[in-house]
N, C-alpha and C. Protein backbone atom coordinates (compact mmCIF):
# COMPACT_ATOMS: atom_id res chain seq x y z
N UNK A 1 -6.35 -20.03 -0.28
CA UNK A 1 -7.67 -19.36 -0.13
C UNK A 1 -7.59 -17.96 -0.22
N UNK A 2 -9.01 -17.17 -0.78
CA UNK A 2 -9.34 -16.24 -0.94
C UNK A 2 -9.19 -14.93 0.58
N UNK A 3 -8.73 -14.55 -0.32
CA UNK A 3 -8.32 -12.82 1.01
C UNK A 3 -9.88 -11.90 0.71
N UNK A 4 -10.45 -11.72 1.71
CA UNK A 4 -11.66 -10.94 1.61
C UNK A 4 -10.73 -9.35 2.28
N UNK A 5 -11.24 -7.88 1.49
CA UNK A 5 -10.95 -6.99 1.87
C UNK A 5 -11.85 -6.15 2.12
N UNK A 6 -11.84 -5.64 3.22
CA UNK A 6 -13.21 -4.70 3.49
C UNK A 6 -12.34 -3.43 3.91
N UNK A 7 -12.55 -2.63 2.69
CA UNK A 7 -11.73 -1.38 2.94
C UNK A 7 -11.90 -0.17 3.63
N UNK A 8 -11.27 0.24 4.57
CA UNK A 8 -11.79 0.86 5.46
C UNK A 8 -10.73 2.36 5.16
N UNK A 9 -11.53 3.04 4.42
CA UNK A 9 -10.86 4.66 4.07
C UNK A 9 -12.02 5.40 4.10
N UNK A 10 -11.76 6.69 4.86
CA UNK A 10 -12.70 7.46 5.52
C UNK A 10 -13.56 8.53 4.02
N UNK A 11 -12.90 8.34 2.85
CA UNK A 11 -13.75 8.85 1.54
C UNK A 11 -14.69 8.05 1.10
N UNK A 12 -14.28 6.53 1.04
CA UNK A 12 -15.29 5.47 0.94
C UNK A 12 -15.97 5.55 1.91
N UNK A 13 -16.18 5.50 2.98
CA UNK A 13 -16.90 5.73 3.98
C UNK A 13 -18.14 6.63 3.79
N UNK A 14 -17.38 7.79 4.11
CA UNK A 14 -18.07 8.88 3.46
C UNK A 14 -19.31 8.68 2.86
N UNK A 15 -18.79 8.42 1.30
CA UNK A 15 -19.90 8.18 0.01
C UNK A 15 -20.53 7.24 0.26
N UNK A 16 -20.15 6.11 1.23
CA UNK A 16 -21.02 5.02 1.01
C UNK A 16 -22.34 5.28 2.23
N UNK A 17 -21.93 6.41 3.27
CA UNK A 17 -23.07 7.11 3.89
C UNK A 17 -24.47 7.82 3.07
N UNK A 18 -23.76 8.23 2.18
CA UNK A 18 -24.76 9.04 1.34
C UNK A 18 -25.28 7.94 0.43
N UNK A 19 -24.52 7.04 -0.17
CA UNK A 19 -25.37 6.23 -1.36
C UNK A 19 -26.50 5.81 -0.73
N UNK A 20 -26.30 5.25 0.94
CA UNK A 20 -27.46 4.13 1.25
C UNK A 20 -28.55 4.87 1.63
N UNK A 21 -28.40 6.39 1.30
CA UNK A 21 -29.29 6.88 2.07
C UNK A 21 -30.39 7.03 1.11
N UNK A 22 -32.04 6.54 1.31
CA UNK A 22 -33.04 6.56 0.51
C UNK A 22 -33.56 7.84 0.21
N UNK A 23 -32.76 9.15 0.31
CA UNK A 23 -33.18 10.15 -0.02
C UNK A 23 -32.67 10.55 -1.41
N UNK A 24 -31.39 10.03 -1.57
CA UNK A 24 -30.25 10.35 -2.19
C UNK A 24 -30.74 9.98 -4.00
N UNK A 25 -30.77 11.49 -4.23
CA UNK A 25 -31.55 11.11 -5.99
C UNK A 25 -30.52 10.14 -7.11
N UNK A 26 -31.53 10.07 -7.60
CA UNK A 26 -30.75 9.08 -8.90
C UNK A 26 -29.42 9.38 -9.61
N UNK A 27 -29.26 10.70 -9.92
CA UNK A 27 -27.92 11.59 -10.18
C UNK A 27 -27.04 11.36 -9.45
N UNK A 28 -26.96 11.59 -8.05
CA UNK A 28 -25.89 11.94 -7.02
C UNK A 28 -25.89 10.53 -6.74
N UNK A 29 -26.63 9.63 -6.79
CA UNK A 29 -26.37 8.02 -6.38
C UNK A 29 -25.88 7.33 -7.46
N UNK A 30 -25.71 7.58 -9.12
CA UNK A 30 -24.98 7.13 -10.26
C UNK A 30 -24.01 7.48 -9.93
N UNK A 31 -23.58 8.70 -9.41
CA UNK A 31 -22.44 9.19 -9.62
C UNK A 31 -21.56 8.94 -8.01
N UNK A 32 -21.90 8.93 -6.94
CA UNK A 32 -21.02 7.83 -5.81
C UNK A 32 -20.64 6.62 -5.99
N UNK A 33 -21.73 6.15 -6.83
CA UNK A 33 -21.31 4.18 -7.06
C UNK A 33 -19.66 4.60 -8.01
N UNK A 34 -20.04 5.24 -9.10
CA UNK A 34 -18.52 5.55 -9.82
C UNK A 34 -17.56 5.96 -9.27
N UNK A 35 -17.69 6.85 -8.04
CA UNK A 35 -16.72 7.55 -7.18
C UNK A 35 -16.23 6.45 -6.29
N UNK A 36 -17.19 5.89 -5.62
CA UNK A 36 -16.63 4.57 -4.77
C UNK A 36 -15.68 3.04 -5.54
N UNK A 37 -16.34 2.91 -6.71
CA UNK A 37 -15.64 2.25 -7.27
C UNK A 37 -13.98 2.31 -8.22
N UNK A 38 -14.23 4.11 -8.30
CA UNK A 38 -12.18 4.53 -8.49
C UNK A 38 -11.80 4.45 -7.42
N UNK A 39 -11.98 4.39 -6.26
CA UNK A 39 -11.35 4.55 -4.67
C UNK A 39 -11.32 3.30 -4.45
N UNK A 40 -12.21 2.32 -4.92
CA UNK A 40 -11.97 0.69 -4.60
C UNK A 40 -10.82 0.02 -5.65
N UNK A 41 -10.94 0.86 -6.78
CA UNK A 41 -10.09 0.55 -7.65
C UNK A 41 -8.31 0.65 -7.85
N UNK A 42 -8.58 1.61 -7.25
CA UNK A 42 -7.31 2.63 -6.39
C UNK A 42 -6.63 1.41 -5.83
N UNK A 43 -7.63 0.60 -4.92
CA UNK A 43 -6.96 -0.37 -3.87
C UNK A 43 -7.08 -1.45 -4.01
N UNK A 44 -7.68 -2.16 -5.11
CA UNK A 44 -7.72 -3.61 -5.41
C UNK A 44 -6.56 -3.76 -6.64
N UNK A 45 -6.35 -2.67 -7.16
CA UNK A 45 -4.89 -2.86 -8.04
C UNK A 45 -3.31 -2.48 -7.19
N UNK A 46 -3.55 -2.41 -5.94
CA UNK A 46 -2.04 -2.04 -5.58
C UNK A 46 -1.14 -3.28 -5.53
N UNK A 47 -1.49 -4.65 -5.70
CA UNK A 47 -0.29 -5.91 -6.11
C UNK A 47 -0.11 -6.18 -7.37
N UNK A 48 -0.61 -4.65 -8.05
CA UNK A 48 -0.18 -5.58 -10.04
C UNK A 48 1.28 -5.28 -9.52
N UNK A 49 2.14 -6.21 -10.24
CA UNK A 49 3.31 -5.98 -11.08
C UNK A 49 3.97 -4.94 -11.86
N UNK A 50 4.82 -4.67 -11.55
CA UNK A 50 5.73 -3.36 -12.00
C UNK A 50 7.13 -3.71 -12.35
N UNK A 51 7.36 -3.14 -13.31
CA UNK A 51 8.72 -3.01 -14.20
C UNK A 51 9.65 -1.54 -14.14
N UNK A 52 10.68 -1.71 -13.65
CA UNK A 52 11.55 -0.08 -13.61
C UNK A 52 11.82 0.25 -15.52
N UNK A 53 11.72 1.54 -15.69
CA UNK A 53 12.09 1.83 -16.84
C UNK A 53 12.77 3.28 -16.63
N UNK A 54 13.53 3.57 -17.68
CA UNK A 54 13.70 5.09 -17.46
C UNK A 54 13.28 6.02 -18.84
N UNK A 55 12.96 6.63 -17.80
CA UNK A 55 12.23 8.07 -18.87
C UNK A 55 12.84 9.33 -18.78
N UNK A 56 12.98 10.18 -20.44
CA UNK A 56 13.64 11.43 -19.91
C UNK A 56 12.55 12.08 -20.00
N UNK A 57 13.10 12.81 -18.88
CA UNK A 57 12.30 14.39 -18.47
C UNK A 57 13.00 15.30 -19.26
N UNK A 58 12.50 16.37 -18.99
CA UNK A 58 13.11 17.87 -19.89
C UNK A 58 14.38 17.93 -19.30
N UNK A 59 14.88 17.61 -18.06
CA UNK A 59 15.53 18.12 -17.24
C UNK A 59 17.28 16.69 -17.61
N UNK A 60 16.65 15.32 -17.32
CA UNK A 60 17.32 14.63 -17.31
C UNK A 60 16.43 13.17 -17.61
N UNK A 61 17.59 12.09 -17.05
CA UNK A 61 16.81 10.64 -16.98
C UNK A 61 16.45 10.57 -15.78
N UNK A 62 14.97 9.75 -15.46
CA UNK A 62 14.52 9.35 -14.19
C UNK A 62 14.51 7.75 -14.38
N UNK A 63 14.27 7.41 -13.62
CA UNK A 63 14.17 5.74 -13.10
C UNK A 63 12.51 6.00 -12.57
N UNK A 64 11.57 5.29 -13.25
CA UNK A 64 10.25 5.13 -12.81
C UNK A 64 10.05 3.63 -13.10
N UNK A 65 8.18 3.49 -12.73
CA UNK A 65 7.64 2.26 -12.81
C UNK A 65 6.43 2.44 -13.42
N UNK A 66 6.72 0.97 -14.27
CA UNK A 66 5.11 1.13 -15.21
C UNK A 66 4.74 -0.34 -14.98
N UNK A 67 3.61 -0.73 -15.17
CA UNK A 67 2.68 -2.25 -15.36
C UNK A 67 3.46 -3.17 -15.76
N UNK A 68 3.42 -4.15 -15.11
CA UNK A 68 4.28 -5.46 -16.24
C UNK A 68 3.16 -6.60 -15.79
N UNK A 69 3.75 -7.44 -16.65
CA UNK A 69 2.48 -8.36 -16.52
C UNK A 69 1.48 -8.79 -17.06
N UNK A 70 0.44 -9.57 -16.94
CA UNK A 70 -1.07 -9.60 -17.23
C UNK A 70 -1.90 -8.13 -17.71
N UNK A 71 -2.08 -8.04 -19.32
CA UNK A 71 -3.15 -7.53 -19.42
C UNK A 71 -4.37 -7.54 -18.46
N UNK A 72 -5.18 -6.17 -18.63
CA UNK A 72 -6.35 -6.04 -17.44
C UNK A 72 -7.53 -6.56 -18.36
N UNK A 73 -8.49 -6.56 -17.55
CA UNK A 73 -9.99 -6.53 -18.21
C UNK A 73 -10.95 -6.52 -17.01
N UNK A 74 -12.25 -5.64 -17.39
CA UNK A 74 -13.11 -5.39 -16.57
C UNK A 74 -14.22 -5.75 -16.77
N UNK A 75 -14.78 -6.62 -16.37
CA UNK A 75 -16.43 -7.53 -16.10
C UNK A 75 -17.39 -7.15 -15.41
N UNK A 76 -18.23 -6.40 -16.16
CA UNK A 76 -19.68 -5.78 -15.07
C UNK A 76 -20.45 -6.47 -14.90
N UNK A 77 -21.15 -7.42 -14.03
CA UNK A 77 -22.62 -8.15 -14.25
C UNK A 77 -23.81 -7.30 -14.26
N UNK A 78 -24.19 -7.33 -15.23
CA UNK A 78 -25.37 -6.36 -15.72
C UNK A 78 -26.42 -6.52 -14.82
N UNK A 79 -27.14 -5.34 -14.58
CA UNK A 79 -27.18 -4.42 -15.47
C UNK A 79 -26.19 -3.24 -14.40
N UNK A 80 -26.34 -3.79 -12.78
CA UNK A 80 -25.58 -2.77 -12.34
C UNK A 80 -24.44 -2.17 -12.17
N UNK A 81 -23.37 -3.45 -12.30
CA UNK A 81 -21.95 -3.49 -12.73
C UNK A 81 -21.92 -2.38 -13.56
N UNK A 82 -22.95 -2.06 -14.61
CA UNK A 82 -21.92 -0.81 -15.52
C UNK A 82 -21.76 0.25 -14.63
N UNK A 83 -22.36 0.66 -13.79
CA UNK A 83 -22.17 1.60 -12.88
C UNK A 83 -21.12 2.15 -12.34
N UNK A 84 -20.10 0.91 -12.35
CA UNK A 84 -18.94 1.06 -11.60
C UNK A 84 -17.55 1.24 -12.66
N UNK A 85 -17.90 0.72 -14.39
CA UNK A 85 -17.48 0.48 -15.19
C UNK A 85 -16.54 1.77 -15.15
N UNK A 86 -16.80 3.26 -15.63
CA UNK A 86 -16.05 4.05 -16.05
C UNK A 86 -15.10 4.50 -15.57
N UNK A 87 -15.62 4.57 -14.10
CA UNK A 87 -14.41 5.44 -13.15
C UNK A 87 -13.17 4.64 -13.36
N UNK A 88 -13.66 3.04 -12.97
CA UNK A 88 -12.01 2.23 -13.32
C UNK A 88 -11.53 2.44 -14.95
N UNK A 89 -12.36 2.50 -15.95
CA UNK A 89 -11.58 2.94 -17.57
C UNK A 89 -11.02 4.05 -16.97
N UNK A 90 -11.38 4.85 -16.38
CA UNK A 90 -10.41 6.83 -16.10
C UNK A 90 -9.23 6.21 -15.32
N UNK A 91 -9.29 5.01 -14.84
CA UNK A 91 -7.79 4.99 -14.42
C UNK A 91 -7.41 3.66 -15.21
N UNK A 92 -7.69 2.71 -15.42
CA UNK A 92 -6.82 1.41 -16.34
C UNK A 92 -7.59 1.63 -17.76
N UNK A 93 -7.18 3.00 -18.83
CA UNK A 93 -7.87 3.06 -19.63
C UNK A 93 -7.72 1.96 -21.16
N UNK A 94 -6.39 1.59 -20.97
CA UNK A 94 -6.41 0.11 -21.42
C UNK A 94 -7.06 -1.68 -21.47
N UNK A 95 -7.38 -1.13 -20.13
CA UNK A 95 -8.38 -2.61 -20.08
C UNK A 95 -9.48 -2.59 -21.16
N UNK A 96 -9.69 -3.99 -21.49
CA UNK A 96 -10.95 -4.26 -22.38
C UNK A 96 -12.25 -4.68 -20.97
N UNK A 97 -12.94 -4.66 -21.98
CA UNK A 97 -14.43 -4.71 -21.09
C UNK A 97 -15.73 -6.10 -22.04
N UNK A 98 -15.80 -6.70 -20.89
CA UNK A 98 -16.43 -7.76 -20.78
C UNK A 98 -17.86 -7.25 -20.37
N UNK A 99 -18.75 -8.39 -21.01
CA UNK A 99 -20.22 -8.39 -20.16
C UNK A 99 -20.93 -9.61 -19.88
N UNK A 100 -21.32 -9.99 -18.53
CA UNK A 100 -22.01 -10.63 -18.30
C UNK A 100 -23.27 -10.20 -17.91
N UNK A 101 -24.50 -10.49 -18.72
CA UNK A 101 -25.78 -10.77 -17.84
C UNK A 101 -26.11 -11.63 -17.21
N UNK A 102 -26.75 -11.69 -15.93
CA UNK A 102 -27.50 -12.53 -15.33
C UNK A 102 -28.50 -11.53 -14.77
N UNK A 103 -29.87 -12.14 -14.25
CA UNK A 103 -30.81 -11.75 -13.31
C UNK A 103 -30.87 -12.84 -12.27
N UNK A 104 -31.25 -12.61 -11.07
CA UNK A 104 -32.19 -13.26 -10.26
C UNK A 104 -33.49 -13.46 -10.34
N UNK A 105 -33.89 -15.15 -10.22
CA UNK A 105 -34.92 -15.67 -10.33
C UNK A 105 -35.60 -14.89 -8.90
N UNK A 106 -37.14 -14.44 -8.98
CA UNK A 106 -37.25 -13.74 -8.21
C UNK A 106 -38.37 -14.91 -7.03
N UNK A 107 -38.37 -16.01 -7.83
CA UNK A 107 -38.74 -16.90 -7.07
C UNK A 107 -37.62 -18.12 -6.27
N UNK A 108 -37.16 -18.25 -7.27
CA UNK A 108 -35.70 -19.25 -6.39
C UNK A 108 -34.26 -18.26 -5.93
N UNK A 109 -34.55 -16.93 -6.45
CA UNK A 109 -33.24 -16.26 -6.12
C UNK A 109 -31.74 -16.87 -6.82
N UNK A 110 -31.76 -17.99 -7.86
CA UNK A 110 -30.68 -17.88 -8.32
C UNK A 110 -30.64 -17.47 -9.65
N UNK A 111 -29.28 -16.94 -10.22
CA UNK A 111 -29.18 -16.35 -11.08
C UNK A 111 -29.52 -17.08 -12.65
N UNK A 112 -29.86 -16.42 -13.49
CA UNK A 112 -30.22 -17.04 -14.82
C UNK A 112 -29.19 -15.91 -16.27
N UNK A 113 -28.58 -16.49 -16.68
CA UNK A 113 -28.21 -16.09 -17.51
C UNK A 113 -28.49 -15.65 -18.90
N UNK A 114 -28.11 -14.32 -19.14
CA UNK A 114 -29.34 -14.29 -20.53
C UNK A 114 -28.32 -13.49 -21.85
N UNK A 115 -27.17 -13.08 -21.26
CA UNK A 115 -26.29 -12.63 -22.37
C UNK A 115 -24.38 -12.52 -21.26
N UNK A 116 -23.65 -12.80 -22.49
CA UNK A 116 -21.94 -13.40 -22.02
C UNK A 116 -21.36 -12.94 -23.36
N UNK A 117 -20.90 -11.75 -23.00
CA UNK A 117 -19.77 -11.44 -24.29
C UNK A 117 -18.24 -10.75 -23.48
N UNK A 118 -17.54 -11.55 -24.11
CA UNK A 118 -15.94 -11.29 -23.53
C UNK A 118 -14.92 -10.90 -24.70
N UNK A 119 -13.84 -10.17 -24.08
CA UNK A 119 -12.92 -10.12 -25.13
C UNK A 119 -12.23 -11.23 -25.63
N UNK A 120 -11.59 -11.21 -26.66
CA UNK A 120 -11.38 -12.99 -27.42
C UNK A 120 -9.80 -13.25 -26.56
N UNK A 121 -9.18 -12.47 -26.12
CA UNK A 121 -7.85 -12.83 -25.01
C UNK A 121 -8.32 -12.46 -23.76
N UNK A 122 -9.31 -12.90 -23.32
CA UNK A 122 -9.74 -12.55 -21.92
C UNK A 122 -8.70 -13.66 -21.08
N UNK A 123 -8.76 -14.97 -21.10
CA UNK A 123 -7.69 -15.87 -21.03
C UNK A 123 -6.75 -15.40 -20.34
N UNK A 124 -5.80 -14.35 -21.30
CA UNK A 124 -4.78 -13.66 -20.78
C UNK A 124 -4.81 -12.80 -20.05
N UNK A 125 -5.74 -12.11 -19.45
CA UNK A 125 -6.16 -11.07 -18.69
C UNK A 125 -5.97 -11.24 -17.26
N UNK A 126 -6.09 -10.31 -16.61
CA UNK A 126 -6.35 -10.20 -14.84
C UNK A 126 -7.46 -9.92 -14.98
N UNK A 127 -8.73 -10.04 -14.49
CA UNK A 127 -10.01 -9.92 -14.83
C UNK A 127 -11.00 -9.55 -13.58
N UNK A 128 -11.16 -8.28 -13.12
CA UNK A 128 -12.03 -7.43 -12.36
C UNK A 128 -13.26 -7.31 -12.78
N UNK A 129 -14.38 -8.43 -11.80
CA UNK A 129 -15.68 -8.89 -11.97
C UNK A 129 -16.01 -7.85 -10.95
N UNK A 130 -17.16 -6.85 -11.51
CA UNK A 130 -17.70 -5.85 -10.44
C UNK A 130 -19.01 -5.76 -10.71
N UNK A 131 -20.05 -5.80 -9.58
CA UNK A 131 -21.31 -5.35 -9.32
C UNK A 131 -21.47 -4.86 -7.90
N UNK A 132 -21.74 -3.68 -7.90
CA UNK A 132 -22.27 -3.33 -6.87
C UNK A 132 -22.68 -3.76 -5.45
N UNK A 133 -23.32 -5.07 -5.36
CA UNK A 133 -24.18 -5.50 -4.48
C UNK A 133 -23.88 -6.98 -4.48
N UNK A 134 -23.58 -7.82 -3.28
CA UNK A 134 -23.21 -9.27 -3.06
C UNK A 134 -23.74 -9.80 -2.13
N UNK A 135 -25.20 -10.19 -2.56
CA UNK A 135 -25.86 -11.00 -1.64
C UNK A 135 -25.76 -12.11 -1.39
N UNK A 136 -26.37 -13.24 -2.29
CA UNK A 136 -26.44 -14.44 -1.85
C UNK A 136 -25.00 -15.18 -2.48
N UNK A 137 -24.77 -14.03 -3.29
CA UNK A 137 -23.23 -14.92 -4.43
C UNK A 137 -23.66 -15.39 -5.43
N UNK A 138 -24.78 -16.15 -5.54
CA UNK A 138 -25.22 -16.61 -6.96
C UNK A 138 -24.59 -16.29 -8.42
N UNK A 139 -24.67 -14.83 -8.40
CA UNK A 139 -24.55 -13.70 -9.93
C UNK A 139 -23.26 -14.15 -9.88
N UNK A 140 -22.70 -13.77 -8.65
CA UNK A 140 -20.76 -13.86 -9.05
C UNK A 140 -20.21 -15.37 -8.85
N UNK A 141 -20.96 -16.31 -7.99
CA UNK A 141 -20.35 -17.44 -8.47
C UNK A 141 -20.62 -17.95 -10.43
N UNK A 142 -21.33 -17.42 -10.62
CA UNK A 142 -21.76 -17.91 -12.15
C UNK A 142 -20.80 -17.28 -12.78
N UNK A 143 -21.14 -15.92 -12.55
CA UNK A 143 -19.92 -14.84 -13.31
C UNK A 143 -18.63 -15.17 -13.89
N UNK A 144 -18.11 -16.27 -12.35
CA UNK A 144 -16.69 -16.20 -12.31
C UNK A 144 -16.49 -17.46 -12.74
N UNK A 145 -17.60 -18.53 -12.91
CA UNK A 145 -17.80 -19.69 -13.30
C UNK A 145 -17.60 -19.85 -15.07
N UNK A 146 -18.47 -18.55 -15.49
CA UNK A 146 -18.79 -18.04 -17.03
C UNK A 146 -16.87 -17.71 -17.54
N UNK A 147 -15.90 -16.95 -16.69
CA UNK A 147 -14.97 -16.76 -16.85
C UNK A 147 -13.60 -18.30 -16.68
N UNK A 148 -14.07 -18.71 -15.93
CA UNK A 148 -12.94 -19.97 -16.05
C UNK A 148 -13.08 -20.55 -16.94
N UNK A 149 -13.88 -20.93 -17.48
CA UNK A 149 -14.61 -21.92 -18.87
C UNK A 149 -13.47 -20.69 -19.55
N UNK A 150 -13.61 -19.53 -19.54
CA UNK A 150 -12.89 -18.92 -21.44
C UNK A 150 -11.64 -18.88 -20.80
N UNK A 151 -10.78 -19.93 -19.91
CA UNK A 151 -9.67 -20.00 -19.11
C UNK A 151 -9.33 -18.72 -18.59
N UNK A 152 -9.88 -18.03 -17.66
CA UNK A 152 -9.40 -16.63 -16.82
C UNK A 152 -8.77 -17.82 -15.40
N UNK A 153 -7.40 -16.94 -15.36
CA UNK A 153 -7.32 -17.69 -13.89
C UNK A 153 -6.85 -16.71 -12.53
N UNK A 154 -6.90 -15.66 -13.18
CA UNK A 154 -6.70 -14.29 -12.85
C UNK A 154 -7.70 -13.90 -12.34
N UNK A 155 -8.40 -13.45 -11.03
CA UNK A 155 -10.17 -13.07 -10.86
C UNK A 155 -10.03 -12.45 -9.99
N UNK A 156 -10.47 -11.19 -9.47
CA UNK A 156 -10.82 -10.15 -8.67
C UNK A 156 -12.62 -9.97 -8.58
N UNK A 157 -13.30 -10.12 -7.09
CA UNK A 157 -14.36 -9.64 -7.62
C UNK A 157 -14.33 -8.25 -6.72
N UNK A 158 -14.75 -7.67 -7.43
CA UNK A 158 -15.26 -6.23 -6.24
C UNK A 158 -16.82 -6.23 -6.55
N UNK A 159 -16.93 -5.74 -5.24
CA UNK A 159 -18.54 -4.85 -4.82
C UNK A 159 -18.07 -4.00 -3.79
N UNK A 160 -19.57 -3.03 -3.98
CA UNK A 160 -19.46 -2.34 -2.88
C UNK A 160 -20.35 -2.54 -1.69
N UNK A 161 -21.02 -3.22 -1.80
CA UNK A 161 -21.56 -4.11 -0.41
C UNK A 161 -21.74 -5.24 0.03
N UNK A 162 -21.33 -5.93 0.42
CA UNK A 162 -21.45 -7.75 0.26
C UNK A 162 -22.48 -7.97 1.85
N UNK A 163 -22.46 -9.34 1.99
CA UNK A 163 -23.59 -9.77 2.84
C UNK A 163 -22.82 -11.03 3.32
N UNK A 164 -22.74 -11.01 4.12
CA UNK A 164 -21.56 -12.91 5.00
C UNK A 164 -22.27 -13.59 4.06
N UNK A 165 -22.99 -13.79 3.79
CA UNK A 165 -23.93 -14.97 2.85
C UNK A 165 -23.10 -15.01 2.02
N UNK A 166 -23.24 -14.30 1.32
CA UNK A 166 -22.68 -13.97 -0.45
C UNK A 166 -21.12 -14.44 -0.15
N UNK A 167 -20.56 -13.38 0.66
CA UNK A 167 -19.02 -13.78 0.70
C UNK A 167 -19.02 -15.17 1.34
N UNK A 168 -19.29 -15.63 1.94
CA UNK A 168 -19.47 -17.09 2.18
C UNK A 168 -18.96 -18.48 0.75
N UNK A 169 -20.28 -17.98 0.49
CA UNK A 169 -20.81 -19.03 -0.90
C UNK A 169 -19.22 -18.44 -1.98
N UNK A 170 -19.18 -17.23 -2.27
CA UNK A 170 -18.24 -16.79 -3.03
C UNK A 170 -17.03 -17.72 -2.60
N UNK A 171 -16.34 -17.40 -1.68
CA UNK A 171 -14.90 -17.96 -0.96
C UNK A 171 -15.24 -19.67 -1.24
N UNK A 172 -16.12 -20.07 -0.66
CA UNK A 172 -16.04 -21.39 -1.01
C UNK A 172 -16.34 -22.23 -1.95
N UNK A 173 -17.11 -21.36 -3.11
CA UNK A 173 -17.12 -22.17 -4.58
C UNK A 173 -15.88 -21.60 -5.18
N UNK A 174 -15.24 -20.72 -4.95
CA UNK A 174 -13.51 -20.37 -5.99
C UNK A 174 -12.93 -19.55 -4.67
N UNK A 175 -12.26 -20.52 -4.29
CA UNK A 175 -11.11 -19.69 -3.16
C UNK A 175 -9.80 -19.42 -3.97
N UNK A 176 -9.71 -19.46 -5.10
CA UNK A 176 -8.78 -18.89 -5.36
C UNK A 176 -9.00 -17.49 -6.04
N UNK A 177 -9.90 -16.89 -5.71
CA UNK A 177 -10.53 -15.41 -5.82
C UNK A 177 -10.45 -14.65 -5.04
N UNK A 178 -9.65 -13.12 -4.90
CA UNK A 178 -10.03 -12.33 -3.94
C UNK A 178 -11.13 -11.72 -4.07
N UNK A 179 -11.82 -11.19 -2.76
CA UNK A 179 -12.50 -10.16 -2.81
C UNK A 179 -12.21 -8.85 -2.13
N UNK A 180 -13.12 -7.75 -2.80
CA UNK A 180 -12.96 -6.32 -2.35
C UNK A 180 -14.33 -5.57 -2.10
N UNK A 181 -14.74 -5.23 -0.74
CA UNK A 181 -15.93 -4.87 -0.20
C UNK A 181 -15.41 -3.36 0.23
N UNK A 182 -16.32 -2.03 -0.06
CA UNK A 182 -16.40 -0.93 0.52
C UNK A 182 -17.36 -1.13 1.97
N UNK A 183 -18.12 -1.86 1.90
CA UNK A 183 -18.66 -2.45 3.70
C UNK A 183 -19.35 -3.83 3.32
N UNK A 184 -19.29 -4.66 4.77
CA UNK A 184 -19.84 -6.40 4.77
C UNK A 184 -20.64 -5.93 6.19
N UNK A 185 -21.99 -5.87 5.27
CA UNK A 185 -23.32 -5.62 6.09
C UNK A 185 -23.51 -6.89 6.68
N UNK A 186 -24.99 -6.71 7.69
CA UNK A 186 -25.13 -7.85 8.59
C UNK A 186 -25.49 -8.75 7.88
N UNK A 187 -26.92 -9.14 7.31
CA UNK A 187 -27.70 -10.47 6.72
C UNK A 187 -28.29 -10.19 5.49
N UNK A 188 -29.13 -10.94 5.08
CA UNK A 188 -29.98 -11.04 3.66
C UNK A 188 -31.37 -11.36 4.66
N UNK A 189 -32.19 -10.87 4.05
CA UNK A 189 -33.84 -10.60 4.79
C UNK A 189 -34.23 -11.96 3.86
N UNK A 190 -35.17 -12.11 4.09
CA UNK A 190 -36.15 -13.05 3.60
C UNK A 190 -36.68 -13.19 1.88
N UNK A 191 -36.03 -11.82 1.76
CA UNK A 191 -36.39 -11.91 0.12
C UNK A 191 -34.52 -11.28 -0.57
N UNK A 192 -33.54 -12.16 0.08
CA UNK A 192 -32.31 -12.23 -0.43
C UNK A 192 -31.51 -10.63 -0.77
N UNK A 193 -32.77 -9.73 0.04
CA UNK A 193 -31.52 -8.57 -0.15
C UNK A 193 -30.96 -7.99 1.25
N UNK A 194 -29.73 -7.32 0.88
CA UNK A 194 -28.95 -7.32 1.65
C UNK A 194 -29.53 -6.00 3.07
N UNK A 195 -29.52 -6.92 4.31
CA UNK A 195 -29.50 -5.66 5.36
C UNK A 195 -28.48 -5.12 6.12
N UNK A 196 -28.63 -3.17 6.24
CA UNK A 196 -29.02 -2.53 6.04
C UNK A 196 -28.99 -2.62 4.06
N UNK A 197 -28.14 -2.49 3.35
CA UNK A 197 -27.91 -2.53 2.41
C UNK A 197 -28.13 -0.86 1.59
N UNK A 198 -28.71 -0.95 0.58
CA UNK A 198 -29.15 0.25 0.28
C UNK A 198 -30.44 0.31 -0.71
N UNK A 199 -30.90 -0.89 -0.96
CA UNK A 199 -31.82 -1.59 -1.97
C UNK A 199 -31.36 -1.59 -2.87
N UNK A 200 -32.64 -1.92 -4.44
CA UNK A 200 -32.07 -2.34 -5.16
C UNK A 200 -30.61 -0.85 -6.23
N UNK A 201 -29.50 -2.00 -6.58
CA UNK A 201 -28.39 -0.89 -7.03
C UNK A 201 -28.83 -0.85 -8.49
N UNK A 202 -29.34 -1.44 -8.93
CA UNK A 202 -29.41 -1.47 -10.30
C UNK A 202 -31.25 -0.39 -10.57
N UNK A 203 -31.80 -0.51 -9.82
CA UNK A 203 -33.20 0.52 -9.98
C UNK A 203 -32.73 1.59 -9.72
N UNK A 204 -32.11 2.22 -9.11
CA UNK A 204 -31.38 3.06 -8.13
C UNK A 204 -30.53 3.74 -9.21
N UNK A 205 -29.72 3.44 -9.71
CA UNK A 205 -28.50 3.68 -10.63
C UNK A 205 -29.30 4.24 -12.12
N UNK A 206 -30.04 3.47 -12.35
CA UNK A 206 -31.33 3.36 -13.66
C UNK A 206 -32.06 4.59 -13.66
N UNK A 207 -32.48 4.45 -12.46
CA UNK A 207 -33.62 5.40 -12.20
C UNK A 207 -35.32 4.68 -12.57
N UNK A 208 -35.09 3.41 -12.91
CA UNK A 208 -36.01 2.18 -13.00
C UNK A 208 -37.58 2.05 -12.04
N UNK A 209 -37.22 2.95 -10.83
CA UNK A 209 -37.98 2.42 -9.34
C UNK A 209 -38.32 3.93 -8.58
């Protein structure tokens, strides 16, 4: 079964309080999304396997640890997921990047695919799917479906804010995928927006509203 991690970290909580504010300007909002994603990445990669290596320091040999096992990939759900990528790549510079383009139909609230481009070896990588908001869960489920069709078997979902409805939908559809959230909010409103949430993350990241 899926494990849902709601990250209880003072720095994340502080930055999230500023992120939520309707008065936070685009530049600061965009920077905060990246900063929170970086902190979340630190936690989400905690269980990655390592192996012991010997490194020669200027003084002598040191027994150290380096990453072992599968290589990594980061797959943002366009467009808002792009705001989480750069800070994660700064921590994992060897990760490959894929892109899945989905938008939510305003009438049905269901995801519609418009773009999918993944690394050729995506099936051999541990994949982090990133999107600031997990509302109904439709886009997340669709993205994970696409990845599994491409052979992915090790997938982690990262969202800054989630709704209980979305968490339930994703964990039921993909019980083998763990979720990492900075906050789990109260519910979805009649327009399928997260309450209290922070509004439309894509519009606030790119300044389109």
